[in-house]
Amino acid sequence: MTAVAMFSVRATARALIGALAAGSVLCVSGCHSMDDYSGPRTLIPARTLNVSPSLTIPAEAIVAGGIIYAIIDPLAPNWKVEVEPLGTRRYRVNMTMKRFFTGGEGESNWVFRRAAEKLQHEGGFAEYEILSYSEGIESKVTIAQRVASGVVELR
């Protein structure tokens, strides 16, 4: 399995687990008392989750928390790393940062070097040399995204 496939499978699995967890909490919190509900029929019921006598959480807060968790996905890695072979000893490493992140803006160089070291160890090489490296911001219609790219030669 390639490095790109491994990273995307992990990110997809984390997002799926987060969505399932949010959906489970929503179902458990609101569904058991819906039979006697006589209020307006809305997508989110006007109910609360009674955690303790002094703590109640409205259903809207639970749904909002699940949506925010699914968008931000705090368990996913901050950088998506794609490795493209350019020959027998040269590789291009392209990295894209998450659109919504909670830190990690200054770690692109560290992530790049870690990917180069992984290529070195997997290939059985003694060292690597960074031939080029650049960072930038890719402007999109919705939200700008940090990117980094470089070429590594294994020796």
Protein backbone atom coordinates (compact mmCIF):
# COMPACT_ATOMS: atom_id res chain seq x y z
CA MET A 1 0.00 0.00 0.00
CA THR A 2 1.40 3.40 -0.92
CA ALA A 3 1.91 6.25 1.55
CA VAL A 4 -0.89 8.25 -0.10
CA ALA A 5 -3.36 5.40 0.25
CA MET A 6 -2.41 4.83 3.91
CA PHE A 7 -2.94 8.49 4.82
CA SER A 8 -6.27 8.73 2.99
CA VAL A 9 -7.57 5.48 4.52
CA ARG A 10 -6.69 6.72 8.02
CA ALA A 11 -8.33 10.10 7.43
CA THR A 12 -11.46 8.48 6.02
CA ALA A 13 -11.67 6.05 8.93
CA ARG A 14 -11.30 8.86 11.48
CA ALA A 15 -13.98 10.93 9.77
CA LEU A 16 -16.32 7.94 9.65
CA ILE A 17 -15.77 7.15 13.34
CA GLY A 18 -16.43 10.79 14.26
CA ALA A 19 -19.64 10.90 12.24
CA LEU A 20 -20.85 7.62 13.73
CA ALA A 21 -20.06 8.81 17.26
CA ALA A 22 -21.93 12.09 16.73
CA GLY A 23 -24.89 10.25 15.22
CA SER A 24 -24.95 7.73 18.08
CA VAL A 25 -25.00 10.46 20.71
CA LEU A 26 -27.80 12.23 18.89
CA CYS A 27 -29.88 9.06 18.59
CA VAL A 28 -29.38 8.05 22.20
CA SER A 29 -30.13 11.52 23.53
CA GLY A 30 -33.36 12.22 21.68
CA CYS A 31 -35.02 9.07 20.47
CA HIS A 32 -36.10 7.44 23.73
CA SER A 33 -38.57 10.20 24.61
CA MET A 34 -39.99 11.12 21.19
CA ASP A 35 -43.24 9.14 21.57
CA ASP A 36 -44.82 11.68 23.92
CA TYR A 37 -43.50 14.75 22.08
CA SER A 38 -46.31 17.00 20.90
CA GLY A 39 -44.33 20.09 19.82
CA PRO A 40 -43.61 21.20 16.27
CA ARG A 41 -42.14 18.59 13.97
CA THR A 42 -38.64 19.85 13.24
CA LEU A 43 -35.44 18.21 12.11
CA ILE A 44 -33.87 18.70 15.55
CA PRO A 45 -36.33 18.08 18.39
CA ALA A 46 -36.69 20.69 21.14
CA ARG A 47 -35.34 18.29 23.76
CA THR A 48 -32.41 18.20 26.12
CA LEU A 49 -30.05 15.51 27.33
CA ASN A 50 -30.21 15.37 31.13
CA VAL A 51 -26.67 14.52 32.15
CA SER A 52 -27.23 15.39 35.82
CA PRO A 53 -29.76 17.47 37.79
CA SER A 54 -27.68 20.60 37.20
CA LEU A 55 -26.44 19.87 33.66
CA THR A 56 -28.67 19.61 30.61
CA ILE A 57 -27.49 19.78 27.01
CA PRO A 58 -29.92 20.89 24.28
CA ALA A 59 -30.26 18.72 21.20
CA GLU A 60 -29.13 21.67 19.03
CA ALA A 61 -25.80 21.79 20.89
CA ILE A 62 -25.26 18.07 20.35
CA VAL A 63 -25.95 18.39 16.62
CA ALA A 64 -23.76 21.50 16.31
CA GLY A 65 -20.94 19.72 18.14
CA GLY A 66 -21.20 16.75 15.77
CA ILE A 67 -21.14 18.99 12.70
CA ILE A 68 -18.15 20.99 13.98
CA TYR A 69 -16.32 17.76 14.83
CA ALA A 70 -16.95 16.36 11.35
CA ILE A 71 -15.65 19.54 9.67
CA ILE A 72 -12.60 20.14 11.85
CA ASP A 73 -11.78 16.45 12.53
CA PRO A 74 -9.23 17.04 15.30
CA LEU A 75 -7.87 13.49 15.13
CA ALA A 76 -6.86 13.70 11.47
CA PRO A 77 -3.26 14.64 10.66
CA ASN A 78 -2.70 18.33 9.87
CA TRP A 79 -0.83 17.54 6.65
CA LYS A 80 -1.76 15.21 3.79
CA VAL A 81 1.46 13.82 2.30
CA GLU A 82 1.65 12.51 -1.27
CA VAL A 83 4.84 10.89 -2.59
CA GLU A 84 5.44 10.74 -6.33
CA PRO A 85 8.46 8.85 -7.75
CA LEU A 86 10.51 10.83 -10.29
CA GLY A 87 13.00 8.05 -11.00
CA THR A 88 14.75 5.29 -9.12
CA ARG A 89 16.22 7.61 -6.47
CA ARG A 90 14.24 10.85 -6.72
CA TYR A 91 10.85 11.56 -5.21
CA ARG A 92 8.56 14.58 -5.17
CA VAL A 93 6.83 15.06 -1.83
CA ASN A 94 3.65 17.18 -2.04
CA MET A 95 1.95 18.21 1.18
CA THR A 96 -1.41 19.90 1.74
CA MET A 97 -2.58 21.22 5.10
CA LYS A 98 -6.13 20.76 6.37
CA ARG A 99 -8.42 23.69 5.67
CA PHE A 100 -9.52 23.90 9.29
CA PHE A 101 -6.74 23.21 11.75
CA THR A 102 -5.88 23.72 15.39
CA GLY A 103 -2.15 24.38 15.24
CA GLY A 104 0.65 22.92 13.18
CA GLU A 105 1.28 25.89 10.89
CA GLY A 106 5.06 25.78 11.40
CA GLU A 107 5.60 22.07 11.11
CA SER A 108 5.68 21.65 7.32
CA ASN A 109 9.48 21.41 7.16
CA TRP A 110 9.47 18.81 9.93
CA VAL A 111 6.76 16.73 8.20
CA PHE A 112 8.67 16.97 4.91
CA ARG A 113 11.89 15.71 6.53
CA ARG A 114 10.02 12.90 8.25
CA ALA A 115 8.59 11.78 4.88
CA ALA A 116 12.10 11.91 3.37
CA GLU A 117 13.51 9.83 6.24
CA LYS A 118 10.72 7.29 5.78
CA LEU A 119 11.58 6.98 2.08
CA GLN A 120 15.26 6.59 2.99
CA HIS A 121 14.63 3.80 5.50
CA GLU A 122 12.09 1.97 3.31
CA GLY A 123 14.51 2.01 0.37
CA GLY A 124 17.52 0.97 2.43
CA PHE A 125 19.54 4.09 1.59
CA ALA A 126 22.20 5.64 3.82
CA GLU A 127 21.15 9.29 3.42
CA TYR A 128 18.95 11.70 1.54
CA GLU A 129 19.42 15.17 0.09
CA ILE A 130 16.71 17.78 -0.30
CA LEU A 131 17.10 19.15 -3.83
CA SER A 132 14.27 21.66 -3.61
CA TYR A 133 11.65 22.74 -1.09
CA SER A 134 8.98 25.45 -1.20
CA GLU A 135 5.96 26.50 0.83
CA GLY A 136 2.98 28.57 -0.19
CA ILE A 137 -0.72 29.20 0.05
CA GLU A 138 -3.09 27.85 -2.56
CA SER A 139 -6.07 30.17 -2.95
CA LYS A 140 -9.36 28.46 -3.56
CA VAL A 141 -12.86 29.89 -3.91
CA THR A 142 -13.89 28.68 -0.47
CA ILE A 143 -10.85 28.85 1.84
CA ALA A 144 -7.11 29.22 1.21
CA GLN A 145 -4.93 26.22 2.03
CA ARG A 146 -1.25 25.93 2.93
CA VAL A 147 0.86 23.71 0.68
CA ALA A 148 4.48 22.59 0.60
CA SER A 149 6.42 20.66 -2.02
CA GLY A 150 9.94 19.42 -2.52
CA VAL A 151 12.20 16.93 -4.28
CA VAL A 152 14.32 14.40 -2.40
CA GLU A 153 17.19 12.32 -3.75
CA LEU A 154 18.14 9.14 -1.92
CA ARG A 155 21.79 8.03 -1.71
